[in-house]
């Protein structure tokens, strides 16, 4: 999620765990997975809140990407990736 504040500054985070946490200089936007039955805007707000403690309002979808034939451990399913715009409350 690309989260902007009233000054137009973008929120960036560093991972505390997982592979990205090993890269101490890596900054990224908040990311995550959509839970079964959850809407894109709900998942984006939840992930931003979980990762940062910041409440953000969904403004729209910026881009969509689809990847087919995922890992066999996941059943080879396709994945749909969304990039969203949000505004910090």
C-alpha atoms as a PDB file:
ATOM      1  CA  UNK A   1       0.000   0.000   0.000  1.00  0.00           C
ATOM      2  CA  UNK A   2       1.266   3.456  -0.880  1.00  0.00           C
ATOM      3  CA  UNK A   3       0.196   5.524   2.136  1.00  0.00           C
ATOM      4  CA  UNK A   4       0.585   9.308   1.971  1.00  0.00           C
ATOM      5  CA  UNK A   5       0.095  11.870   4.723  1.00  0.00           C
ATOM      6  CA  UNK A   6      -1.190  15.442   4.366  1.00  0.00           C
ATOM      7  CA  UNK A   7       2.320  16.628   3.445  1.00  0.00           C
ATOM      8  CA  UNK A   8       2.556  14.114   0.583  1.00  0.00           C
ATOM      9  CA  UNK A   9       5.155  12.028   2.423  1.00  0.00           C
ATOM     10  CA  UNK A  10       5.025   8.292   1.736  1.00  0.00           C
ATOM     11  CA  UNK A  11       5.024   5.736   4.546  1.00  0.00           C
ATOM     12  CA  UNK A  12       7.957   3.298   4.434  1.00  0.00           C
ATOM     13  CA  UNK A  13       8.677   0.407   6.797  1.00  0.00           C
ATOM     14  CA  UNK A  14      11.454  -2.045   7.592  1.00  0.00           C
ATOM     15  CA  UNK A  15      10.607  -5.684   8.253  1.00  0.00           C
ATOM     16  CA  UNK A  16      11.198  -7.027  11.774  1.00  0.00           C
ATOM     17  CA  UNK A  17      11.055 -10.667  10.679  1.00  0.00           C
ATOM     18  CA  UNK A  18      11.263 -12.741   7.505  1.00  0.00           C
ATOM     19  CA  UNK A  19      13.765 -12.608   4.643  1.00  0.00           C
ATOM     20  CA  UNK A  20      13.553  -8.819   4.179  1.00  0.00           C
ATOM     21  CA  UNK A  21      14.517  -8.270   7.843  1.00  0.00           C
ATOM     22  CA  UNK A  22      18.032  -9.503   7.019  1.00  0.00           C
ATOM     23  CA  UNK A  23      18.506  -6.519   4.711  1.00  0.00           C
ATOM     24  CA  UNK A  24      19.036  -3.795   7.326  1.00  0.00           C
ATOM     25  CA  UNK A  25      18.970  -0.937   4.816  1.00  0.00           C
ATOM     26  CA  UNK A  26      15.836  -2.074   2.938  1.00  0.00           C
ATOM     27  CA  UNK A  27      12.783   0.186   3.245  1.00  0.00           C
ATOM     28  CA  UNK A  28       9.489  -0.886   1.652  1.00  0.00           C
ATOM     29  CA  UNK A  29       5.787  -0.117   1.595  1.00  0.00           C
ATOM     30  CA  UNK A  30       3.474  -2.131   3.889  1.00  0.00           C
ATOM     31  CA  UNK A  31       2.370  -5.382   2.247  1.00  0.00           C
ATOM     32  CA  UNK A  32       0.403  -8.483   3.107  1.00  0.00           C
ATOM     33  CA  UNK A  33      -2.116 -11.116   2.145  1.00  0.00           C
ATOM     34  CA  UNK A  34      -5.877 -10.932   1.780  1.00  0.00           C
ATOM     35  CA  UNK A  35      -7.753 -13.243   4.134  1.00  0.00           C
ATOM     36  CA  UNK A  36     -10.462 -15.521   2.746  1.00  0.00           C
ATOM     37  CA  UNK A  37     -13.647 -13.459   2.258  1.00  0.00           C
ATOM     38  CA  UNK A  38     -11.871 -10.128   2.882  1.00  0.00           C
ATOM     39  CA  UNK A  39     -12.185  -7.220   0.444  1.00  0.00           C
ATOM     40  CA  UNK A  40      -9.077  -5.554  -1.028  1.00  0.00           C
ATOM     41  CA  UNK A  41      -9.721  -2.232   0.747  1.00  0.00           C
ATOM     42  CA  UNK A  42     -10.249  -3.989   4.087  1.00  0.00           C
ATOM     43  CA  UNK A  43      -7.063  -6.037   3.739  1.00  0.00           C
ATOM     44  CA  UNK A  44      -4.989  -2.987   2.809  1.00  0.00           C
ATOM     45  CA  UNK A  45      -6.205  -1.009   5.837  1.00  0.00           C
ATOM     46  CA  UNK A  46      -5.684  -4.015   8.136  1.00  0.00           C
ATOM     47  CA  UNK A  47      -2.156  -4.695   6.888  1.00  0.00           C
ATOM     48  CA  UNK A  48      -1.098  -1.047   7.257  1.00  0.00           C
ATOM     49  CA  UNK A  49      -2.541  -0.963  10.797  1.00  0.00           C
ATOM     50  CA  UNK A  50      -0.922  -4.297  11.746  1.00  0.00           C
ATOM     51  CA  UNK A  51       2.517  -3.352  10.408  1.00  0.00           C
ATOM     52  CA  UNK A  52       2.623   0.287  11.532  1.00  0.00           C
ATOM     53  CA  UNK A  53      -0.196   1.063  13.979  1.00  0.00           C
ATOM     54  CA  UNK A  54      -1.356   3.767  11.546  1.00  0.00           C
ATOM     55  CA  UNK A  55      -4.982   3.976  10.403  1.00  0.00           C
ATOM     56  CA  UNK A  56      -5.267   4.695   6.693  1.00  0.00           C
ATOM     57  CA  UNK A  57      -8.186   5.336   4.354  1.00  0.00           C
ATOM     58  CA  UNK A  58      -8.386   3.427   1.067  1.00  0.00           C
ATOM     59  CA  UNK A  59      -8.411   5.735  -1.976  1.00  0.00           C
ATOM     60  CA  UNK A  60      -8.118   3.318  -4.879  1.00  0.00           C
ATOM     61  CA  UNK A  61      -6.299   0.588  -6.735  1.00  0.00           C
ATOM     62  CA  UNK A  62      -3.167   1.769  -8.553  1.00  0.00           C
ATOM     63  CA  UNK A  63      -2.262  -1.437 -10.372  1.00  0.00           C
ATOM     64  CA  UNK A  64      -3.109  -5.120 -10.704  1.00  0.00           C
ATOM     65  CA  UNK A  65      -0.753  -7.918 -11.717  1.00  0.00           C
ATOM     66  CA  UNK A  66      -1.500 -11.615 -12.168  1.00  0.00           C
ATOM     67  CA  UNK A  67       1.013 -14.469 -11.996  1.00  0.00           C
ATOM     68  CA  UNK A  68       0.011 -17.955 -13.100  1.00  0.00           C
ATOM     69  CA  UNK A  69       1.342 -21.324 -12.010  1.00  0.00           C
ATOM     70  CA  UNK A  70       2.379 -20.538  -8.462  1.00  0.00           C
ATOM     71  CA  UNK A  71       4.463 -22.837  -6.263  1.00  0.00           C
ATOM     72  CA  UNK A  72       3.405 -26.476  -6.253  1.00  0.00           C
ATOM     73  CA  UNK A  73       3.217 -26.370  -2.443  1.00  0.00           C
ATOM     74  CA  UNK A  74       0.351 -23.903  -2.924  1.00  0.00           C
ATOM     75  CA  UNK A  75      -1.362 -26.066  -5.506  1.00  0.00           C
ATOM     76  CA  UNK A  76       0.050 -24.186  -8.503  1.00  0.00           C
ATOM     77  CA  UNK A  77      -2.630 -21.519  -8.118  1.00  0.00           C
ATOM     78  CA  UNK A  78      -2.541 -18.136  -9.788  1.00  0.00           C
ATOM     79  CA  UNK A  79      -1.866 -15.051  -7.692  1.00  0.00           C
ATOM     80  CA  UNK A  80      -3.340 -11.586  -8.147  1.00  0.00           C
ATOM     81  CA  UNK A  81      -1.295  -8.664  -6.790  1.00  0.00           C
ATOM     82  CA  UNK A  82      -2.839  -5.253  -6.060  1.00  0.00           C
ATOM     83  CA  UNK A  83      -1.066  -1.959  -5.436  1.00  0.00           C
ATOM     84  CA  UNK A  84      -3.315   0.496  -3.604  1.00  0.00           C
ATOM     85  CA  UNK A  85      -3.307   4.193  -2.711  1.00  0.00           C
ATOM     86  CA  UNK A  86      -4.213   5.178   0.832  1.00  0.00           C
ATOM     87  CA  UNK A  87      -4.256   8.317   2.955  1.00  0.00           C
ATOM     88  CA  UNK A  88      -3.053   8.304   6.560  1.00  0.00           C
ATOM     89  CA  UNK A  89      -5.799   9.412   8.944  1.00  0.00           C
END
